[in-house]
N, C-alpha and C. Protein backbone atom coordinates (compact mmCIF):
# COMPACT_ATOMS: atom_id res chain seq x y z
N MET A 1 1.15 -1.46 0.01
CA MET A 1 -0.02 -0.13 0.30
C MET A 1 0.97 0.99 0.05
N ASP A 2 0.80 2.43 -1.02
CA ASP A 2 1.58 3.44 -0.86
C ASP A 2 1.01 4.21 0.21
N PHE A 3 1.88 5.28 0.80
CA PHE A 3 1.40 5.64 1.65
C PHE A 3 1.00 7.02 1.55
N ARG A 4 1.06 7.71 0.09
CA ARG A 4 0.49 8.64 -0.32
C ARG A 4 -0.93 8.35 -0.48
N GLU A 5 -1.17 7.67 -1.04
CA GLU A 5 -2.83 7.36 -0.89
C GLU A 5 -3.25 7.36 0.36
N ILE A 6 -2.90 6.81 1.62
CA ILE A 6 -3.24 6.91 2.47
C ILE A 6 -3.53 8.69 3.03
N LEU A 7 -2.24 9.31 2.96
CA LEU A 7 -1.89 10.62 3.23
C LEU A 7 -2.85 11.43 2.18
N ASN A 8 -3.26 11.16 0.93
CA ASN A 8 -4.10 12.05 0.05
C ASN A 8 -5.65 11.63 1.03
N ALA A 9 -6.12 10.14 1.31
CA ALA A 9 -7.04 10.21 2.09
C ALA A 9 -7.70 10.77 2.80
N ILE A 10 -6.70 10.91 4.06
CA ILE A 10 -6.34 12.10 4.99
C ILE A 10 -7.01 13.29 4.37
N PHE A 11 -6.27 13.77 3.62
CA PHE A 11 -6.38 15.13 3.33
C PHE A 11 -7.98 15.43 2.78
N TYR A 12 -8.08 14.36 2.06
CA TYR A 12 -9.70 14.45 1.57
C TYR A 12 -10.80 14.26 2.59
N LEU A 13 -10.62 13.61 3.71
CA LEU A 13 -11.49 13.60 4.74
C LEU A 13 -11.33 14.62 5.46
N ASN A 14 -10.36 15.20 5.42
CA ASN A 14 -9.90 16.93 6.39
C ASN A 14 -10.54 17.77 5.52
N LYS A 15 -10.37 17.67 4.45
CA LYS A 15 -11.35 18.88 3.26
C LYS A 15 -12.67 18.88 3.30
N MET A 16 -13.44 17.52 3.08
CA MET A 16 -14.78 17.25 2.58
C MET A 16 -15.69 16.92 4.10
N GLY A 17 -14.96 16.51 5.20
CA GLY A 17 -15.27 16.70 6.12
C GLY A 17 -16.61 15.20 6.52
N CYS A 18 -16.70 14.85 5.15
CA CYS A 18 -16.97 13.26 5.58
C CYS A 18 -16.92 12.25 6.20
N GLN A 19 -17.39 11.19 6.57
CA GLN A 19 -17.19 10.03 7.50
C GLN A 19 -16.79 8.94 6.90
N TRP A 20 -15.52 7.97 7.25
CA TRP A 20 -14.31 7.27 7.24
C TRP A 20 -15.21 6.55 5.67
N ARG A 21 -16.35 5.86 6.26
CA ARG A 21 -16.86 4.61 5.56
C ARG A 21 -17.28 5.44 4.31
N CYS A 22 -17.58 6.74 4.12
CA CYS A 22 -17.87 7.38 2.74
C CYS A 22 -16.68 7.84 1.69
N LEU A 23 -15.40 7.28 2.44
CA LEU A 23 -14.44 7.71 1.05
C LEU A 23 -14.43 7.22 -0.23
N PRO A 24 -14.43 7.86 -1.20
CA PRO A 24 -14.80 7.47 -2.66
C PRO A 24 -13.55 6.36 -2.95
N LYS A 25 -13.92 5.31 -3.61
CA LYS A 25 -13.59 3.97 -4.27
C LYS A 25 -12.26 4.30 -4.59
N ASP A 26 -11.48 5.33 -4.90
CA ASP A 26 -10.21 5.46 -5.64
C ASP A 26 -8.85 5.84 -4.67
N PHE A 27 -9.78 5.72 -3.48
CA PHE A 27 -9.10 5.61 -2.09
C PHE A 27 -8.72 4.49 -1.56
N PRO A 28 -8.14 3.98 -0.64
CA PRO A 28 -7.82 2.66 0.16
C PRO A 28 -9.53 2.71 0.86
N SER A 29 -9.47 1.39 1.68
CA SER A 29 -10.45 1.19 2.45
C SER A 29 -10.52 2.14 3.96
N ASP A 30 -11.37 2.52 4.46
CA ASP A 30 -11.35 3.32 5.70
C ASP A 30 -10.68 2.99 6.63
N PRO A 31 -10.87 1.43 6.98
CA PRO A 31 -9.88 1.06 8.07
C PRO A 31 -8.67 1.11 8.10
N PRO A 32 -7.53 0.77 6.97
CA PRO A 32 -6.10 1.44 7.27
C PRO A 32 -6.04 2.78 6.78
N VAL A 33 -6.84 3.70 6.58
CA VAL A 33 -6.52 5.23 6.20
C VAL A 33 -7.03 5.29 7.82
N SER A 34 -7.69 4.68 8.48
CA SER A 34 -8.38 5.09 10.15
C SER A 34 -7.09 5.13 10.82
N TYR A 35 -6.26 3.76 10.61
CA TYR A 35 -5.28 3.04 10.92
C TYR A 35 -4.54 4.13 10.94
N TYR A 36 -4.04 4.34 10.42
CA TYR A 36 -2.82 5.53 10.09
C TYR A 36 -2.83 6.17 10.29
N TYR A 37 -4.14 7.09 10.26
CA TYR A 37 -4.48 8.08 11.14
C TYR A 37 -4.08 8.45 12.19
N HIS A 38 -4.68 7.12 13.04
CA HIS A 38 -4.32 7.55 14.67
C HIS A 38 -3.41 7.18 15.21
N ARG A 39 -2.63 6.49 14.13
CA ARG A 39 -1.25 6.02 14.48
C ARG A 39 -0.22 7.71 14.29
N TRP A 40 -0.47 8.14 13.54
CA TRP A 40 0.60 9.25 12.70
C TRP A 40 -0.10 10.47 13.95
N LEU A 41 -1.59 10.57 13.89
CA LEU A 41 -1.50 11.59 15.05
C LEU A 41 -1.01 11.20 16.61
N ASP A 42 -0.72 9.63 16.95
CA ASP A 42 0.12 9.05 18.07
C ASP A 42 1.06 10.14 18.42
N ASN A 43 1.81 9.33 17.16
CA ASN A 43 3.51 9.61 17.20
C ASN A 43 3.57 10.92 16.92
N GLY A 44 3.23 12.28 16.51
CA GLY A 44 2.97 13.34 15.97
C GLY A 44 3.56 13.67 14.84
N VAL A 45 3.80 12.31 13.54
CA VAL A 45 3.64 12.67 12.57
C VAL A 45 3.22 13.70 11.82
N LEU A 46 1.15 13.67 11.61
CA LEU A 46 0.84 14.86 11.20
C LEU A 46 1.06 16.23 11.66
N GLU A 47 1.52 16.41 12.62
CA GLU A 47 2.09 17.37 12.87
C GLU A 47 3.56 17.90 12.37
N THR A 48 4.44 16.82 12.12
CA THR A 48 5.60 17.34 11.18
C THR A 48 5.10 17.46 10.13
N ILE A 49 3.94 16.91 9.10
CA ILE A 49 3.85 17.16 8.10
C ILE A 49 2.93 18.14 7.70
N ASN A 50 2.27 18.70 8.94
CA ASN A 50 1.19 20.36 8.97
C ASN A 50 3.23 21.33 8.91
N THR A 51 3.81 20.97 9.88
CA THR A 51 4.57 21.86 10.25
C THR A 51 5.68 22.09 8.22
N ALA A 52 5.44 21.26 8.02
CA ALA A 52 6.75 21.64 6.66
C ALA A 52 6.01 22.02 5.76
N ILE A 53 4.74 21.37 5.59
CA ILE A 53 3.91 22.44 4.48
C ILE A 53 3.66 23.70 5.00
N HIS A 54 3.48 24.42 5.91
CA HIS A 54 3.44 25.84 6.18
C HIS A 54 5.08 26.24 6.18
N ARG A 55 5.76 25.58 6.62
CA ARG A 55 7.07 26.31 6.38
C ARG A 55 7.54 26.70 4.51
N ASN A 56 6.99 25.59 3.74
CA ASN A 56 7.07 25.50 2.83
C ASN A 56 6.21 26.63 1.62
N LEU A 57 4.77 26.80 2.15
CA LEU A 57 4.06 27.75 2.04
C LEU A 57 4.52 28.98 2.21
N ARG A 58 5.46 29.34 3.81
CA ARG A 58 5.95 30.69 3.97
C ARG A 58 7.01 30.79 3.17
N LYS A 59 8.10 30.19 2.58
CA LYS A 59 9.31 29.96 1.56
C LYS A 59 8.83 30.22 0.26
N GLU A 60 7.90 29.71 -0.08
CA GLU A 60 7.24 30.27 -1.91
C GLU A 60 6.78 31.54 -1.55
N MET A 61 6.48 32.19 -0.41
CA MET A 61 5.60 33.34 -0.93
C MET A 61 6.63 34.77 -0.07
N GLY A 62 8.23 34.55 0.01
CA GLY A 62 9.08 35.13 0.06
C GLY A 62 9.20 35.68 1.70
N ARG A 63 8.85 35.11 2.41
CA ARG A 63 9.24 34.80 3.67
C ARG A 63 9.81 33.99 4.50
N ASN A 64 10.43 34.49 5.42
CA ASN A 64 11.27 33.80 6.59
C ASN A 64 10.13 32.52 6.88
N GLU A 65 10.83 31.34 7.20
CA GLU A 65 10.10 30.12 7.49
C GLU A 65 9.47 30.19 8.60
N THR A 66 9.81 30.67 9.61
CA THR A 66 9.43 30.69 11.20
C THR A 66 8.72 31.88 10.73
N PRO A 67 7.67 32.25 11.63
CA PRO A 67 6.51 33.65 11.73
C PRO A 67 7.25 34.26 13.09
N SER A 68 7.54 35.31 12.28
CA SER A 68 7.94 36.49 13.27
C SER A 68 6.98 37.33 14.58
N ALA A 69 5.68 36.96 13.89
CA ALA A 69 4.64 37.86 14.63
C ALA A 69 2.92 37.00 14.62
N ALA A 70 2.33 37.28 15.18
CA ALA A 70 1.05 35.96 15.35
C ALA A 70 -0.28 37.13 15.53
N ILE A 71 -1.56 36.88 15.18
CA ILE A 71 -2.60 37.33 15.78
C ILE A 71 -3.45 36.34 16.67
N ILE A 72 -3.58 37.32 17.74
CA ILE A 72 -4.54 36.39 18.64
C ILE A 72 -5.80 37.19 18.50
N ASP A 73 -6.83 35.38 18.98
CA ASP A 73 -8.07 36.74 18.96
C ASP A 73 -9.19 35.24 19.81
N SER A 74 -10.16 35.13 19.86
CA SER A 74 -11.23 34.63 20.22
C SER A 74 -12.51 34.68 19.69
N GLN A 75 -13.41 33.42 20.20
CA GLN A 75 -14.78 32.97 19.27
C GLN A 75 -15.58 32.92 20.85
N SER A 76 -16.33 33.42 20.75
CA SER A 76 -17.62 32.86 21.81
C SER A 76 -18.62 31.78 21.49
N VAL A 77 -18.78 30.54 22.36
CA VAL A 77 -19.47 29.44 21.45
C VAL A 77 -20.38 29.36 22.73
N LYS A 78 -21.63 29.66 22.01
CA LYS A 78 -22.82 29.08 23.08
C LYS A 78 -22.53 27.39 23.64
N GLY A 79 -22.86 27.54 25.41
CA GLY A 79 -22.65 26.05 25.83
C GLY A 79 -23.71 25.14 25.68
N THR A 80 -23.91 24.16 26.24
CA THR A 80 -25.13 23.55 26.40
C THR A 80 -25.35 23.39 27.90
N GLN A 81 -26.61 22.46 28.73
CA GLN A 81 -27.20 22.70 30.40
C GLN A 81 -25.96 21.96 30.72
N GLU A 82 -25.42 20.49 29.82
CA GLU A 82 -24.84 19.58 30.60
C GLU A 82 -23.45 20.21 30.93
N ARG A 83 -23.04 21.32 30.13
CA ARG A 83 -21.43 21.76 30.56
C ARG A 83 -21.40 23.03 31.27
N VAL A 84 -22.70 23.20 31.90
CA VAL A 84 -22.80 24.40 33.04
C VAL A 84 -21.80 24.92 33.49
N ASP A 85 -20.72 23.69 34.16
CA ASP A 85 -19.25 23.89 35.14
C ASP A 85 -18.51 24.83 34.41
N GLU A 86 -18.47 24.55 33.10
CA GLU A 86 -17.55 25.31 32.29
C GLU A 86 -17.91 26.47 31.82
N THR A 87 -18.84 26.96 31.87
CA THR A 87 -19.30 28.09 31.32
C THR A 87 -19.24 29.72 31.80
N GLY A 88 -19.17 31.06 30.65
CA GLY A 88 -19.02 32.08 31.42
C GLY A 88 -20.02 33.02 30.82
N PHE A 89 -20.23 34.19 31.02
CA PHE A 89 -20.73 34.92 30.18
C PHE A 89 -19.29 36.02 29.52
N ASP A 90 -19.66 36.53 28.25
CA ASP A 90 -19.61 37.54 27.88
C ASP A 90 -19.70 38.69 27.60
N GLY A 91 -19.64 39.57 28.20
CA GLY A 91 -20.47 40.51 28.37
C GLY A 91 -20.80 41.89 26.77
N SER A 92 -19.65 41.28 26.40
CA SER A 92 -19.16 42.59 25.02
C SER A 92 -20.29 41.90 23.74
N LYS A 93 -20.61 40.61 23.73
CA LYS A 93 -21.41 39.86 22.72
C LYS A 93 -22.62 39.32 23.46
N ARG A 94 -23.35 39.08 24.52
CA ARG A 94 -23.85 39.04 25.41
C ARG A 94 -24.33 37.46 25.13
N VAL A 95 -23.26 36.62 24.99
CA VAL A 95 -23.29 34.95 24.78
C VAL A 95 -22.72 34.20 26.35
N LYS A 96 -23.49 33.51 26.51
CA LYS A 96 -23.05 32.51 27.56
C LYS A 96 -22.43 31.26 27.05
N GLY A 97 -21.70 30.72 27.73
CA GLY A 97 -20.92 29.66 27.05
C GLY A 97 -19.50 29.62 27.30
N ARG A 98 -19.04 29.52 26.62
CA ARG A 98 -17.19 29.31 26.45
C ARG A 98 -16.59 30.36 25.63
N LYS A 99 -15.34 30.52 25.72
CA LYS A 99 -14.49 31.32 24.67
C LYS A 99 -13.56 30.11 24.20
N ARG A 100 -13.22 30.26 22.88
CA ARG A 100 -12.09 29.73 22.53
C ARG A 100 -11.00 30.45 21.61
N PRO A 101 -10.14 30.14 22.61
CA PRO A 101 -8.96 31.39 21.78
C PRO A 101 -7.71 30.50 20.91
N ILE A 102 -7.55 31.33 19.77
CA ILE A 102 -6.85 30.80 18.82
C ILE A 102 -5.50 31.80 18.29
N LEU A 103 -4.65 31.20 17.75
CA LEU A 103 -3.42 32.35 17.90
C LEU A 103 -2.75 31.82 16.08
N VAL A 104 -2.89 32.83 15.36
CA VAL A 104 -1.91 31.91 14.13
C VAL A 104 -1.17 33.10 13.32
N ASP A 105 -0.59 33.31 12.68
CA ASP A 105 0.47 33.59 11.95
C ASP A 105 -0.43 34.88 11.18
N THR A 106 0.69 35.66 10.83
CA THR A 106 0.12 36.84 9.64
C THR A 106 -0.52 36.47 8.68
N MET A 107 -0.37 35.39 7.87
CA MET A 107 -0.59 34.42 7.07
C MET A 107 -2.19 34.26 6.69
N GLY A 108 -2.44 33.73 8.64
CA GLY A 108 -3.65 32.89 8.26
C GLY A 108 -3.66 31.73 8.73
């Protein structure tokens, strides 16, 4: 089995947001894709691939491989009744729930 096919299937799942069993027939079946996805996630392989892609993209755009500036933002998300102990109130947006912080470089 070619690992590029597995990786392309993982990229497809990430982009389309479909279920494992709904992979098109030109990709490998879902059990090996799921196996390698979870194995690579646990071993940090997917993080290494993401870092390499990000650095190459920055390099192609004529920037340093590692960002020197970042943007911090947060999103207020409504909570459910089951998670009352982890909720708060965002007064500026008038939302009862929780805040999800995010940090991105200047390229997004």
